[in-house]
């Protein structure tokens, strides 16, 4: 496993910010790490990257202990913190050259700097001072810095803050590509971003992991929250619809419209089409509504 966390805890005085959480993340997986403000997301990421020592528990990154082998962990992690600290008096390329020296890239530095500038779309702004950049381009510089030493693990805290829609699409594509060969942990409040990018979702609330699974599985766990609205050309009965595999509840609407509740929206869509074919019923309209990640998040953290 690229990241292995066991009973990781962080206590500030009388407040438990992170409460004995455990999880494992593997290579080639993009994980959305979600939670309300103050839930413990950033604290967890700071402990994994070696910026904060844990109060108790253990964690390893690529087999190296975050406390005993902190330097080895940092060599293998690219971290974009929420605050994205930059030296505003430096030029873009100058800053990346400085950070390449910190990572001891040596002769490979110039080539790698050119690569990350191109990867993150910084070329048009690469000769500007950091302080003169827009927020979106500052985020790109932070991402370029996180990628500079080609780390095995990427931990990104609100990576798309300040990006316009075009920049957002570019950076999402980049993160998705990187996630094929790296372990990526992505923290964001933009649920559409998680749905577009992530293979897996972890939700933390009040320092505790309250959900950890693939998004499709989390949706199924809220059985009955997804539904399909369907209208027929002929009369159908509630009994017939309840006999369709996967339908948990049926509500008659005006006319021949029905709302069918299900935890398996796509499966029920197929079963409905088969029902219509076998029973010579005409489906006039069919619209599905899966439980959104935003709804799941609100239900779990309210």
Protein backbone atom coordinates (compact mmCIF):
# COMPACT_ATOMS: atom_id res chain seq x y z
CA UNK A 1 0.00 0.00 0.00
CA UNK A 2 1.26 3.53 -0.77
CA UNK A 3 -0.36 4.97 2.36
CA UNK A 4 -1.23 2.96 5.46
CA UNK A 5 -2.78 4.73 8.45
CA UNK A 6 -3.48 2.97 11.76
CA UNK A 7 -5.27 4.60 14.74
CA UNK A 8 -3.85 8.01 13.76
CA UNK A 9 -4.77 10.65 16.35
CA UNK A 10 -4.11 14.35 16.85
CA UNK A 11 -5.10 16.15 20.05
CA UNK A 12 -4.81 19.90 20.68
CA UNK A 13 -5.22 20.51 24.40
CA UNK A 14 -8.68 19.18 25.18
CA UNK A 15 -9.79 18.99 21.55
CA UNK A 16 -9.41 15.79 19.53
CA UNK A 17 -8.95 16.96 15.95
CA UNK A 18 -8.38 13.46 14.51
CA UNK A 19 -9.69 10.46 16.42
CA UNK A 20 -7.85 7.14 15.87
CA UNK A 21 -8.56 6.87 12.14
CA UNK A 22 -7.35 3.97 9.98
CA UNK A 23 -7.30 3.44 6.21
CA UNK A 24 -5.12 2.20 3.35
CA UNK A 25 -4.63 3.76 -0.09
CA UNK A 26 -3.03 2.09 -3.07
CA UNK A 27 -1.21 3.21 -6.21
CA UNK A 28 -3.37 4.16 -9.19
CA UNK A 29 -6.25 5.36 -7.02
CA UNK A 30 -7.67 8.88 -6.66
CA UNK A 31 -9.38 9.30 -3.30
CA UNK A 32 -11.67 12.20 -2.45
CA UNK A 33 -11.14 13.19 1.18
CA UNK A 34 -14.22 15.15 2.25
CA UNK A 35 -15.57 16.73 5.39
CA UNK A 36 -17.05 19.94 6.81
CA UNK A 37 -14.74 22.77 7.87
CA UNK A 38 -12.91 21.75 11.02
CA UNK A 39 -13.58 18.03 10.50
CA UNK A 40 -9.87 17.07 10.54
CA UNK A 41 -9.05 16.86 6.81
CA UNK A 42 -6.11 19.24 6.71
CA UNK A 43 -4.75 17.96 10.04
CA UNK A 44 -4.76 14.40 8.69
CA UNK A 45 -2.97 15.45 5.50
CA UNK A 46 -0.39 17.43 7.44
CA UNK A 47 0.37 14.39 9.61
CA UNK A 48 0.74 12.08 6.61
CA UNK A 49 3.12 14.51 4.91
CA UNK A 50 5.24 15.02 8.03
CA UNK A 51 4.23 18.63 8.69
CA UNK A 52 2.56 17.72 12.00
CA UNK A 53 3.53 14.96 14.44
CA UNK A 54 0.65 12.69 15.51
CA UNK A 55 -0.36 12.47 19.17
CA UNK A 56 -0.63 8.69 18.77
CA UNK A 57 -1.06 6.03 16.12
CA UNK A 58 1.10 5.30 13.11
CA UNK A 59 1.21 5.95 9.37
CA UNK A 60 3.53 4.89 6.60
CA UNK A 61 4.02 6.29 3.09
CA UNK A 62 5.56 3.88 0.57
CA UNK A 63 6.66 1.78 3.53
CA UNK A 64 8.36 4.62 5.44
CA UNK A 65 7.18 5.73 8.89
CA UNK A 66 6.00 9.36 8.97
CA UNK A 67 7.77 10.00 12.30
CA UNK A 68 10.87 7.79 12.25
CA UNK A 69 11.61 8.23 8.54
CA UNK A 70 10.12 11.65 7.88
CA UNK A 71 12.74 12.70 5.30
CA UNK A 72 12.16 9.57 3.22
CA UNK A 73 8.41 10.23 3.34
CA UNK A 74 8.88 13.82 2.11
CA UNK A 75 10.96 12.60 -0.82
CA UNK A 76 8.01 10.53 -1.99
CA UNK A 77 5.17 12.97 -1.35
CA UNK A 78 4.05 15.97 -3.36
CA UNK A 79 1.93 18.23 -1.18
CA UNK A 80 -0.20 21.20 -2.17
CA UNK A 81 -1.50 22.72 1.09
CA UNK A 82 -4.67 24.77 1.27
CA UNK A 83 -2.70 27.95 2.02
CA UNK A 84 -0.26 27.35 -0.92
CA UNK A 85 2.73 29.27 0.51
CA UNK A 86 4.77 31.00 -2.21
CA UNK A 87 7.63 33.51 -2.31
CA UNK A 88 5.89 36.39 -4.07
CA UNK A 89 9.09 38.27 -4.90
CA UNK A 90 10.41 35.35 -6.96
CA UNK A 91 9.72 34.70 -10.62
CA UNK A 92 7.91 31.48 -11.55
CA UNK A 93 10.94 29.74 -13.01
CA UNK A 94 13.21 31.11 -10.30
CA UNK A 95 10.93 29.68 -7.60
CA UNK A 96 10.85 26.26 -9.25
CA UNK A 97 14.64 26.31 -9.63
CA UNK A 98 14.95 27.09 -5.92
CA UNK A 99 12.61 24.21 -5.01
CA UNK A 100 14.48 21.89 -7.38
CA UNK A 101 17.58 22.65 -5.32
CA UNK A 102 15.71 21.78 -2.13
CA UNK A 103 14.76 18.44 -3.70
CA UNK A 104 18.35 17.97 -4.92
CA UNK A 105 17.36 17.30 -8.52
CA UNK A 106 20.83 18.30 -9.75
CA UNK A 107 21.39 18.11 -13.51
CA UNK A 108 17.84 16.89 -14.10
CA UNK A 109 16.38 20.14 -12.71
CA UNK A 110 16.15 22.20 -15.93
CA UNK A 111 14.40 19.46 -17.89
CA UNK A 112 12.00 18.67 -15.07
CA UNK A 113 11.12 22.36 -14.53
CA UNK A 114 10.29 22.70 -18.23
CA UNK A 115 8.11 19.57 -17.99
CA UNK A 116 6.05 20.73 -14.99
CA UNK A 117 5.63 24.25 -16.44
CA UNK A 118 4.17 22.64 -19.57
CA UNK A 119 2.09 20.10 -17.60
CA UNK A 120 0.44 22.75 -15.45
CA UNK A 121 -0.09 25.29 -18.25
CA UNK A 122 2.24 27.89 -16.77
CA UNK A 123 4.10 28.71 -19.98
CA UNK A 124 2.27 32.04 -20.72
CA UNK A 125 3.00 33.30 -17.18
CA UNK A 126 6.39 31.68 -16.55
CA UNK A 127 8.34 34.95 -16.74
CA UNK A 128 6.19 36.80 -14.20
CA UNK A 129 6.75 37.30 -10.49
CA UNK A 130 4.56 35.09 -8.33
CA UNK A 131 3.00 38.12 -6.66
CA UNK A 132 1.73 39.34 -10.04
CA UNK A 133 -0.11 36.12 -10.87
CA UNK A 134 -3.86 35.58 -10.57
CA UNK A 135 -5.07 33.16 -7.88
CA UNK A 136 -5.62 30.50 -10.52
CA UNK A 137 -2.03 30.69 -11.76
CA UNK A 138 -0.70 30.74 -8.20
CA UNK A 139 -2.51 27.42 -7.69
CA UNK A 140 -0.84 26.12 -10.83
CA UNK A 141 2.57 27.08 -9.43
CA UNK A 142 1.75 25.23 -6.21
CA UNK A 143 0.77 22.16 -8.22
CA UNK A 144 3.95 22.43 -10.32
CA UNK A 145 5.96 22.53 -7.09
CA UNK A 146 4.14 19.44 -5.77
CA UNK A 147 4.94 17.57 -9.01
CA UNK A 148 8.52 18.79 -9.36
CA UNK A 149 10.31 15.77 -7.86
CA UNK A 150 7.92 13.28 -9.55
CA UNK A 151 6.55 11.92 -6.25
CA UNK A 152 4.78 8.57 -5.86
CA UNK A 153 2.06 10.15 -3.69
CA UNK A 154 0.19 13.41 -4.32
CA UNK A 155 -1.76 15.07 -1.51
CA UNK A 156 -3.78 18.02 -2.78
CA UNK A 157 -5.76 20.27 -0.44
CA UNK A 158 -8.27 22.36 -2.44
CA UNK A 159 -6.13 22.23 -5.64
CA UNK A 160 -8.62 24.02 -7.91
CA UNK A 161 -9.30 27.08 -5.76
CA UNK A 162 -9.41 30.21 -7.93
CA UNK A 163 -9.40 28.43 -11.29
CA UNK A 164 -11.72 29.56 -14.07
CA UNK A 165 -13.82 26.90 -15.90
CA UNK A 166 -11.22 26.41 -18.64
CA UNK A 167 -8.36 26.09 -16.15
CA UNK A 168 -10.52 23.78 -14.04
CA UNK A 169 -11.00 21.35 -16.94
CA UNK A 170 -7.26 21.35 -17.69
CA UNK A 171 -6.21 20.69 -14.10
CA UNK A 172 -8.88 18.00 -13.64
CA UNK A 173 -7.55 16.21 -16.72
CA UNK A 174 -4.02 16.50 -15.38
CA UNK A 175 -4.99 15.08 -11.97
CA UNK A 176 -6.87 12.21 -13.64
CA UNK A 177 -3.83 11.38 -15.77
CA UNK A 178 -1.50 11.53 -12.77
CA UNK A 179 -3.85 9.28 -10.81
CA UNK A 180 -3.18 6.41 -13.22
CA UNK A 181 0.37 5.97 -11.89
CA UNK A 182 0.34 7.69 -8.50
CA UNK A 183 -1.63 7.64 -5.28
CA UNK A 184 -3.68 10.85 -5.17
CA UNK A 185 -5.55 12.22 -2.16
CA UNK A 186 -7.80 15.12 -3.12
CA UNK A 187 -9.57 17.35 -0.59
CA UNK A 188 -12.23 19.69 -1.92
CA UNK A 189 -15.66 21.16 -1.16
CA UNK A 190 -16.66 20.89 -4.84
CA UNK A 191 -18.68 17.68 -5.02
CA UNK A 192 -18.84 17.65 -8.83
CA UNK A 193 -15.04 17.55 -8.81
CA UNK A 194 -15.03 14.43 -6.67
CA UNK A 195 -17.67 12.77 -8.84
CA UNK A 196 -15.63 13.58 -11.96
CA UNK A 197 -12.22 12.53 -10.63
CA UNK A 198 -12.32 10.12 -7.73
CA UNK A 199 -12.39 6.34 -7.60
CA UNK A 200 -13.08 6.32 -3.88
CA UNK A 201 -14.55 8.67 -1.29
CA UNK A 202 -13.64 9.07 2.39
CA UNK A 203 -15.74 11.37 4.56
CA UNK A 204 -14.44 12.61 7.90
CA UNK A 205 -16.58 14.38 10.50
CA UNK A 206 -15.53 15.56 13.97
CA UNK A 207 -12.26 13.69 13.61
CA UNK A 208 -13.83 10.33 12.69
CA UNK A 209 -14.00 8.54 9.34
CA UNK A 210 -17.74 8.05 8.84
CA UNK A 211 -17.69 6.72 5.25
CA UNK A 212 -15.04 5.08 3.09
CA UNK A 213 -15.95 3.32 -0.14
CA UNK A 214 -16.43 3.67 -3.87
CA UNK A 215 -18.97 6.35 -4.78
CA UNK A 216 -21.34 3.84 -6.39
CA UNK A 217 -21.39 1.82 -3.17
CA UNK A 218 -22.08 4.91 -1.06
CA UNK A 219 -25.01 5.74 -3.32
CA UNK A 220 -26.41 2.24 -2.94
CA UNK A 221 -26.11 2.51 0.85
CA UNK A 222 -28.76 5.24 0.78
CA UNK A 223 -31.37 2.82 -0.52
CA UNK A 224 -34.54 4.49 -1.74
CA UNK A 225 -32.95 7.89 -2.26
CA UNK A 226 -32.43 7.38 -5.98
CA UNK A 227 -35.51 7.33 -8.19
CA UNK A 228 -36.78 7.02 -11.73
CA UNK A 229 -39.67 9.01 -13.17
CA UNK A 230 -41.46 7.10 -15.92
CA UNK A 231 -44.65 7.58 -17.94
CA UNK A 232 -46.50 4.88 -19.87
CA UNK A 233 -48.82 5.00 -22.83
CA UNK A 234 -51.04 2.39 -21.18
CA UNK A 235 -52.30 1.87 -17.64
CA UNK A 236 -50.01 -0.01 -15.27
CA UNK A 237 -50.64 -1.05 -11.68
CA UNK A 238 -48.53 -0.42 -8.62
CA UNK A 239 -48.25 -4.17 -8.09
CA UNK A 240 -46.71 -4.64 -11.53
CA UNK A 241 -44.12 -1.93 -10.86
CA UNK A 242 -43.24 -3.24 -7.39
CA UNK A 243 -42.58 -6.63 -8.97
CA UNK A 244 -39.77 -5.10 -11.06
CA UNK A 245 -36.46 -6.16 -9.53
CA UNK A 246 -34.77 -3.30 -7.64
CA UNK A 247 -37.87 -1.13 -7.09
CA UNK A 248 -38.32 -0.46 -3.36
CA UNK A 249 -41.32 1.91 -3.55
CA UNK A 250 -43.68 3.26 -6.24
CA UNK A 251 -45.65 6.50 -6.14
CA UNK A 252 -48.35 7.36 -8.66
CA UNK A 253 -48.11 10.86 -10.12
CA UNK A 254 -50.61 12.73 -12.31
CA UNK A 255 -51.70 10.82 -15.41
CA UNK A 256 -49.72 7.67 -16.14
CA UNK A 257 -46.61 9.04 -14.48
CA UNK A 258 -44.86 7.07 -11.74
CA UNK A 259 -41.91 7.71 -9.47
CA UNK A 260 -40.01 4.51 -8.68
CA UNK A 261 -37.54 4.61 -5.76
CA UNK A 262 -34.44 2.44 -5.93
CA UNK A 263 -30.85 2.10 -4.75
CA UNK A 264 -29.91 0.70 -8.18
CA UNK A 265 -30.99 3.30 -10.71
CA UNK A 266 -29.18 1.90 -13.76
CA UNK A 267 -30.29 -1.68 -13.07
CA UNK A 268 -33.93 -0.59 -12.69
CA UNK A 269 -33.77 1.39 -15.94
CA UNK A 270 -32.84 -1.82 -17.77
CA UNK A 271 -35.47 -3.83 -15.89
CA UNK A 272 -38.13 -1.25 -16.81
CA UNK A 273 -37.29 -1.50 -20.50
CA UNK A 274 -37.50 -5.28 -20.29
CA UNK A 275 -40.85 -5.04 -18.44
CA UNK A 276 -42.24 -2.78 -21.19
CA UNK A 277 -41.03 -5.11 -23.94
CA UNK A 278 -42.45 -8.29 -22.38
CA UNK A 279 -45.80 -6.71 -21.43
CA UNK A 280 -46.34 -4.62 -24.59
CA UNK A 281 -46.26 -1.31 -22.70
CA UNK A 282 -45.01 1.88 -24.32
CA UNK A 283 -42.64 4.03 -22.24
CA UNK A 284 -43.26 7.66 -23.21
CA UNK A 285 -40.61 9.22 -20.96
CA UNK A 286 -37.92 7.95 -18.61
CA UNK A 287 -35.75 10.11 -16.36
CA UNK A 288 -33.44 8.89 -13.61
CA UNK A 289 -32.13 10.74 -10.59
CA UNK A 290 -29.32 9.07 -8.62
CA UNK A 291 -28.55 10.15 -5.10
CA UNK A 292 -25.92 12.87 -5.46
CA UNK A 293 -22.68 12.96 -3.51
CA UNK A 294 -23.81 16.30 -2.07
CA UNK A 295 -26.92 14.63 -0.62
CA UNK A 296 -24.87 11.76 0.81
CA UNK A 297 -22.43 14.25 2.33
CA UNK A 298 -25.18 16.30 3.94
CA UNK A 299 -26.96 13.23 5.30
CA UNK A 300 -23.78 11.88 6.90
CA UNK A 301 -22.44 15.12 8.36
CA UNK A 302 -25.53 17.10 9.40
